[in-house]
Amino acid sequence: MKRRIRKFIALGLMALVGITGCKNEKNEKVLTREIPFTKEGTLSLVRSTNDSLIATLDIEIAEGEYETATGLMYRNSMEENQAMLFIFDRESPLSFYMKNTQFPIDIIYLDKDLKIVEVYRDAKPFDPTPLPSRRPAKYVLEVNAGLVARWKLLPVDRAEFSRINN
């Protein structure tokens, strides 16, 4: 809990200063520090046809209003074994975009049972085009671009995750 509070305070301060940077007296851009990845759990992707493990990822969890609105925006990259899991209060049609996301990602929409309902591969950095789920989703998993293709994820595959107890 203390870790989450510290994270919210740090993110709030970074937002006040200007996450992507600010201008100094000479009107030069001064970059601030990148938002670091914070491991808050582990997620496994499972092949539904035979219950085999596809991949295991360290996850950062976004579930508050600010966290879900910001996501991976303003970050330069993410390690291959890292992902961001968005958790919403209820299952409904969702839509994400890449407006302030600096690196390509794959977006995986999951229903309330953590089954894959929609996938967008290679979402383009800085693209404001909406990427909607065509079916209701409760979770969204963002991973580095190319991983969905490498893993050969199918709409019937599923995820399982656990949180780290703080």
C-alpha atoms as a PDB file:
ATOM      1  CA  MET A   1       0.000   0.000   0.000  1.00  0.00           C
ATOM      2  CA  LYS A   2       2.818   2.408   0.920  1.00  0.00           C
ATOM      3  CA  ARG A   3       4.505   1.575  -2.387  1.00  0.00           C
ATOM      4  CA  ARG A   4       1.321   2.467  -4.323  1.00  0.00           C
ATOM      5  CA  ILE A   5       0.965   5.777  -2.423  1.00  0.00           C
ATOM      6  CA  ARG A   6       4.600   6.654  -3.175  1.00  0.00           C
ATOM      7  CA  LYS A   7       3.988   5.797  -6.830  1.00  0.00           C
ATOM      8  CA  PHE A   8       0.916   8.083  -7.011  1.00  0.00           C
ATOM      9  CA  ILE A   9       2.844  10.930  -5.363  1.00  0.00           C
ATOM     10  CA  ALA A  10       5.794  10.478  -7.739  1.00  0.00           C
ATOM     11  CA  LEU A  11       3.533  10.356 -10.786  1.00  0.00           C
ATOM     12  CA  GLY A  12       1.648  13.444  -9.612  1.00  0.00           C
ATOM     13  CA  LEU A  13       4.853  15.387  -9.091  1.00  0.00           C
ATOM     14  CA  MET A  14       6.138  14.340 -12.492  1.00  0.00           C
ATOM     15  CA  ALA A  15       2.893  15.524 -14.054  1.00  0.00           C
ATOM     16  CA  LEU A  16       3.238  18.903 -12.363  1.00  0.00           C
ATOM     17  CA  VAL A  17       6.812  19.356 -13.559  1.00  0.00           C
ATOM     18  CA  GLY A  18       6.000  18.142 -17.044  1.00  0.00           C
ATOM     19  CA  ILE A  19       6.547  14.504 -17.759  1.00  0.00           C
ATOM     20  CA  THR A  20       7.934  14.954 -21.250  1.00  0.00           C
ATOM     21  CA  GLY A  21       9.971  17.982 -20.321  1.00  0.00           C
ATOM     22  CA  CYS A  22       9.775  21.695 -19.794  1.00  0.00           C
ATOM     23  CA  LYS A  23      11.499  24.761 -21.147  1.00  0.00           C
ATOM     24  CA  ASN A  24      14.204  26.591 -19.273  1.00  0.00           C
ATOM     25  CA  GLU A  25      14.949  30.325 -19.406  1.00  0.00           C
ATOM     26  CA  LYS A  26      16.783  29.934 -22.736  1.00  0.00           C
ATOM     27  CA  ASN A  27      13.703  28.198 -24.178  1.00  0.00           C
ATOM     28  CA  GLU A  28      15.591  24.883 -24.499  1.00  0.00           C
ATOM     29  CA  LYS A  29      13.800  21.642 -23.792  1.00  0.00           C
ATOM     30  CA  VAL A  30      14.902  20.025 -20.522  1.00  0.00           C
ATOM     31  CA  LEU A  31      13.921  16.373 -20.216  1.00  0.00           C
ATOM     32  CA  THR A  32      12.715  14.938 -16.941  1.00  0.00           C
ATOM     33  CA  ARG A  33      13.266  11.377 -15.760  1.00  0.00           C
ATOM     34  CA  GLU A  34      11.326   8.562 -17.390  1.00  0.00           C
ATOM     35  CA  ILE A  35       8.599   6.857 -15.343  1.00  0.00           C
ATOM     36  CA  PRO A  36      10.182   3.623 -14.095  1.00  0.00           C
ATOM     37  CA  PHE A  37       8.520   0.212 -14.419  1.00  0.00           C
ATOM     38  CA  THR A  38       7.161  -1.008 -11.085  1.00  0.00           C
ATOM     39  CA  LYS A  39       6.588  -4.749 -10.830  1.00  0.00           C
ATOM     40  CA  GLU A  40       3.222  -5.288  -9.119  1.00  0.00           C
ATOM     41  CA  GLY A  41       2.531  -8.854 -10.151  1.00  0.00           C
ATOM     42  CA  THR A  42       3.090 -11.712 -12.562  1.00  0.00           C
ATOM     43  CA  LEU A  43       0.937 -12.705 -15.526  1.00  0.00           C
ATOM     44  CA  SER A  44       0.972 -15.990 -17.439  1.00  0.00           C
ATOM     45  CA  LEU A  45      -0.485 -16.485 -20.897  1.00  0.00           C
ATOM     46  CA  VAL A  46      -1.910 -19.982 -21.331  1.00  0.00           C
ATOM     47  CA  ARG A  47      -2.834 -21.902 -24.482  1.00  0.00           C
ATOM     48  CA  SER A  48      -6.463 -22.899 -23.907  1.00  0.00           C
ATOM     49  CA  THR A  49      -6.377 -25.923 -26.202  1.00  0.00           C
ATOM     50  CA  ASN A  50      -3.848 -27.809 -24.050  1.00  0.00           C
ATOM     51  CA  ASP A  51      -3.235 -25.616 -20.950  1.00  0.00           C
ATOM     52  CA  SER A  52       0.422 -25.102 -21.918  1.00  0.00           C
ATOM     53  CA  LEU A  53       2.313 -22.012 -20.791  1.00  0.00           C
ATOM     54  CA  ILE A  54       2.935 -19.512 -23.595  1.00  0.00           C
ATOM     55  CA  ALA A  55       4.782 -16.804 -21.623  1.00  0.00           C
ATOM     56  CA  THR A  56       5.233 -15.364 -18.138  1.00  0.00           C
ATOM     57  CA  LEU A  57       5.519 -11.595 -17.678  1.00  0.00           C
ATOM     58  CA  ASP A  58       6.229  -9.149 -14.885  1.00  0.00           C
ATOM     59  CA  ILE A  59       3.308  -6.728 -14.812  1.00  0.00           C
ATOM     60  CA  GLU A  60       2.645  -3.210 -13.671  1.00  0.00           C
ATOM     61  CA  ILE A  61      -1.035  -2.798 -12.839  1.00  0.00           C
ATOM     62  CA  ALA A  62      -3.086   0.232 -13.879  1.00  0.00           C
ATOM     63  CA  GLU A  63      -6.509   0.396 -12.264  1.00  0.00           C
ATOM     64  CA  GLY A  64      -7.135   3.885 -10.963  1.00  0.00           C
ATOM     65  CA  GLU A  65      -8.437   6.687 -13.163  1.00  0.00           C
ATOM     66  CA  TYR A  66      -5.042   8.400 -13.542  1.00  0.00           C
ATOM     67  CA  GLU A  67      -3.144   5.131 -14.086  1.00  0.00           C
ATOM     68  CA  THR A  68      -5.549   3.836 -16.727  1.00  0.00           C
ATOM     69  CA  ALA A  69      -5.560   7.181 -18.536  1.00  0.00           C
ATOM     70  CA  THR A  70      -1.759   7.399 -18.566  1.00  0.00           C
ATOM     71  CA  GLY A  71      -0.673   3.764 -19.017  1.00  0.00           C
ATOM     72  CA  LEU A  72       2.610   3.512 -20.913  1.00  0.00           C
ATOM     73  CA  MET A  73       2.476   7.098 -22.141  1.00  0.00           C
ATOM     74  CA  TYR A  74       5.653   9.115 -21.733  1.00  0.00           C
ATOM     75  CA  ARG A  75       7.883   6.043 -21.410  1.00  0.00           C
ATOM     76  CA  ASN A  76      10.680   5.260 -23.841  1.00  0.00           C
ATOM     77  CA  SER A  77      10.534   1.475 -23.749  1.00  0.00           C
ATOM     78  CA  MET A  78       9.679  -1.647 -21.798  1.00  0.00           C
ATOM     79  CA  GLU A  79      11.714  -4.821 -21.266  1.00  0.00           C
ATOM     80  CA  GLU A  80      10.566  -7.872 -23.233  1.00  0.00           C
ATOM     81  CA  ASN A  81       9.430  -9.708 -20.081  1.00  0.00           C
ATOM     82  CA  GLN A  82       7.419  -6.694 -18.853  1.00  0.00           C
ATOM     83  CA  ALA A  83       3.828  -5.683 -19.545  1.00  0.00           C
ATOM     84  CA  MET A  84       1.140  -3.349 -18.273  1.00  0.00           C
ATOM     85  CA  LEU A  85      -2.192  -4.811 -17.191  1.00  0.00           C
ATOM     86  CA  PHE A  86      -5.171  -2.462 -17.065  1.00  0.00           C
ATOM     87  CA  ILE A  87      -8.036  -3.513 -14.801  1.00  0.00           C
ATOM     88  CA  PHE A  88     -11.455  -1.895 -15.157  1.00  0.00           C
ATOM     89  CA  ASP A  89     -14.373  -2.020 -12.718  1.00  0.00           C
ATOM     90  CA  ARG A  90     -16.723  -3.731 -15.120  1.00  0.00           C
ATOM     91  CA  GLU A  91     -16.702  -5.489 -18.454  1.00  0.00           C
ATOM     92  CA  SER A  92     -17.663  -3.198 -21.353  1.00  0.00           C
ATOM     93  CA  PRO A  93     -16.453  -2.229 -24.829  1.00  0.00           C
ATOM     94  CA  LEU A  94     -13.085  -0.467 -24.418  1.00  0.00           C
ATOM     95  CA  SER A  95     -10.903   1.599 -26.698  1.00  0.00           C
ATOM     96  CA  PHE A  96      -7.225   2.541 -26.440  1.00  0.00           C
ATOM     97  CA  TYR A  97      -4.999   4.759 -28.581  1.00  0.00           C
ATOM     98  CA  MET A  98      -1.290   5.520 -28.893  1.00  0.00           C
ATOM     99  CA  LYS A  99      -1.389   9.334 -28.771  1.00  0.00           C
ATOM    100  CA  ASN A 100       1.503   9.806 -26.298  1.00  0.00           C
ATOM    101  CA  THR A 101       3.018   6.315 -26.378  1.00  0.00           C
ATOM    102  CA  GLN A 102       6.580   6.452 -27.698  1.00  0.00           C
ATOM    103  CA  PHE A 103       7.183   2.833 -28.729  1.00  0.00           C
ATOM    104  CA  PRO A 104       5.145   0.231 -30.662  1.00  0.00           C
ATOM    105  CA  ILE A 105       3.099  -2.235 -28.641  1.00  0.00           C
ATOM    106  CA  ASP A 106       0.622  -5.069 -29.039  1.00  0.00           C
ATOM    107  CA  ILE A 107      -2.711  -4.497 -27.265  1.00  0.00           C
ATOM    108  CA  ILE A 108      -4.607  -7.534 -25.945  1.00  0.00           C
ATOM    109  CA  TYR A 109      -8.203  -7.146 -24.722  1.00  0.00           C
ATOM    110  CA  LEU A 110      -9.411  -9.765 -22.217  1.00  0.00           C
ATOM    111  CA  ASP A 111     -12.916 -10.467 -20.932  1.00  0.00           C
ATOM    112  CA  LYS A 112     -13.951 -10.898 -17.284  1.00  0.00           C
ATOM    113  CA  ASP A 113     -12.698 -14.511 -17.407  1.00  0.00           C
ATOM    114  CA  LEU A 114      -9.308 -13.344 -18.775  1.00  0.00           C
ATOM    115  CA  LYS A 115      -9.932 -14.887 -22.210  1.00  0.00           C
ATOM    116  CA  ILE A 116      -8.618 -12.968 -25.198  1.00  0.00           C
ATOM    117  CA  VAL A 117     -11.398 -11.156 -27.071  1.00  0.00           C
ATOM    118  CA  GLU A 118      -9.420  -8.783 -29.326  1.00  0.00           C
ATOM    119  CA  VAL A 119      -5.799  -8.156 -30.318  1.00  0.00           C
ATOM    120  CA  TYR A 120      -4.106  -5.227 -32.058  1.00  0.00           C
ATOM    121  CA  ARG A 121      -0.600  -5.976 -33.293  1.00  0.00           C
ATOM    122  CA  ASP A 122       2.092  -3.352 -33.784  1.00  0.00           C
ATOM    123  CA  ALA A 123       0.139  -0.298 -32.634  1.00  0.00           C
ATOM    124  CA  LYS A 124       2.020   2.709 -33.993  1.00  0.00           C
ATOM    125  CA  PRO A 125       3.659   5.230 -31.629  1.00  0.00           C
ATOM    126  CA  PHE A 126       1.887   8.605 -31.290  1.00  0.00           C
ATOM    127  CA  ASP A 127      -1.113   7.465 -33.391  1.00  0.00           C
ATOM    128  CA  PRO A 128      -4.393   8.944 -32.035  1.00  0.00           C
ATOM    129  CA  THR A 129      -6.547   6.441 -33.968  1.00  0.00           C
ATOM    130  CA  PRO A 130      -8.885   4.519 -31.618  1.00  0.00           C
ATOM    131  CA  LEU A 131      -8.229   0.779 -31.263  1.00  0.00           C
ATOM    132  CA  PRO A 132     -11.539  -0.547 -29.884  1.00  0.00           C
ATOM    133  CA  SER A 133     -12.482  -3.948 -28.565  1.00  0.00           C
ATOM    134  CA  ARG A 134     -15.309  -5.314 -30.643  1.00  0.00           C
ATOM    135  CA  ARG A 135     -16.549  -7.317 -27.670  1.00  0.00           C
ATOM    136  CA  PRO A 136     -16.765  -6.362 -23.997  1.00  0.00           C
ATOM    137  CA  ALA A 137     -13.484  -6.470 -22.049  1.00  0.00           C
ATOM    138  CA  LYS A 138     -12.500  -5.959 -18.426  1.00  0.00           C
ATOM    139  CA  TYR A 139      -8.717  -6.196 -18.795  1.00  0.00           C
ATOM    140  CA  VAL A 140      -6.199  -4.873 -21.307  1.00  0.00           C
ATOM    141  CA  LEU A 141      -2.647  -6.171 -21.565  1.00  0.00           C
ATOM    142  CA  GLU A 142       0.009  -4.080 -23.315  1.00  0.00           C
ATOM    143  CA  VAL A 143       3.194  -5.851 -24.409  1.00  0.00           C
ATOM    144  CA  ASN A 144       6.050  -4.969 -26.753  1.00  0.00           C
ATOM    145  CA  ALA A 145       5.157  -5.081 -30.445  1.00  0.00           C
ATOM    146  CA  GLY A 146       5.802  -8.406 -32.136  1.00  0.00           C
ATOM    147  CA  LEU A 147       5.211 -10.611 -29.103  1.00  0.00           C
ATOM    148  CA  VAL A 148       1.617 -11.541 -30.027  1.00  0.00           C
ATOM    149  CA  ALA A 149       2.863 -12.834 -33.402  1.00  0.00           C
ATOM    150  CA  ARG A 150       5.830 -14.649 -31.834  1.00  0.00           C
ATOM    151  CA  TRP A 151       3.574 -16.305 -29.253  1.00  0.00           C
ATOM    152  CA  LYS A 152       0.913 -17.092 -31.907  1.00  0.00           C
ATOM    153  CA  LEU A 153      -1.834 -15.973 -29.517  1.00  0.00           C
ATOM    154  CA  LEU A 154      -5.337 -17.106 -30.405  1.00  0.00           C
ATOM    155  CA  PRO A 155      -8.707 -15.617 -29.427  1.00  0.00           C
ATOM    156  CA  VAL A 156      -9.347 -18.683 -27.248  1.00  0.00           C
ATOM    157  CA  ASP A 157      -6.120 -18.295 -25.233  1.00  0.00           C
ATOM    158  CA  ARG A 158      -6.281 -16.865 -21.726  1.00  0.00           C
ATOM    159  CA  ALA A 159      -4.290 -15.150 -19.007  1.00  0.00           C
ATOM    160  CA  GLU A 160      -3.802 -15.727 -15.294  1.00  0.00           C
ATOM    161  CA  PHE A 161      -2.238 -13.165 -12.976  1.00  0.00           C
ATOM    162  CA  SER A 162      -1.310 -12.654  -9.356  1.00  0.00           C
ATOM    163  CA  ARG A 163      -0.384  -9.509  -7.457  1.00  0.00           C
ATOM    164  CA  ILE A 164       2.658  -9.045  -5.308  1.00  0.00           C
ATOM    165  CA  ASN A 165       1.598  -8.557  -1.700  1.00  0.00           C
ATOM    166  CA  ASN A 166       3.053  -5.274  -0.394  1.00  0.00           C
END
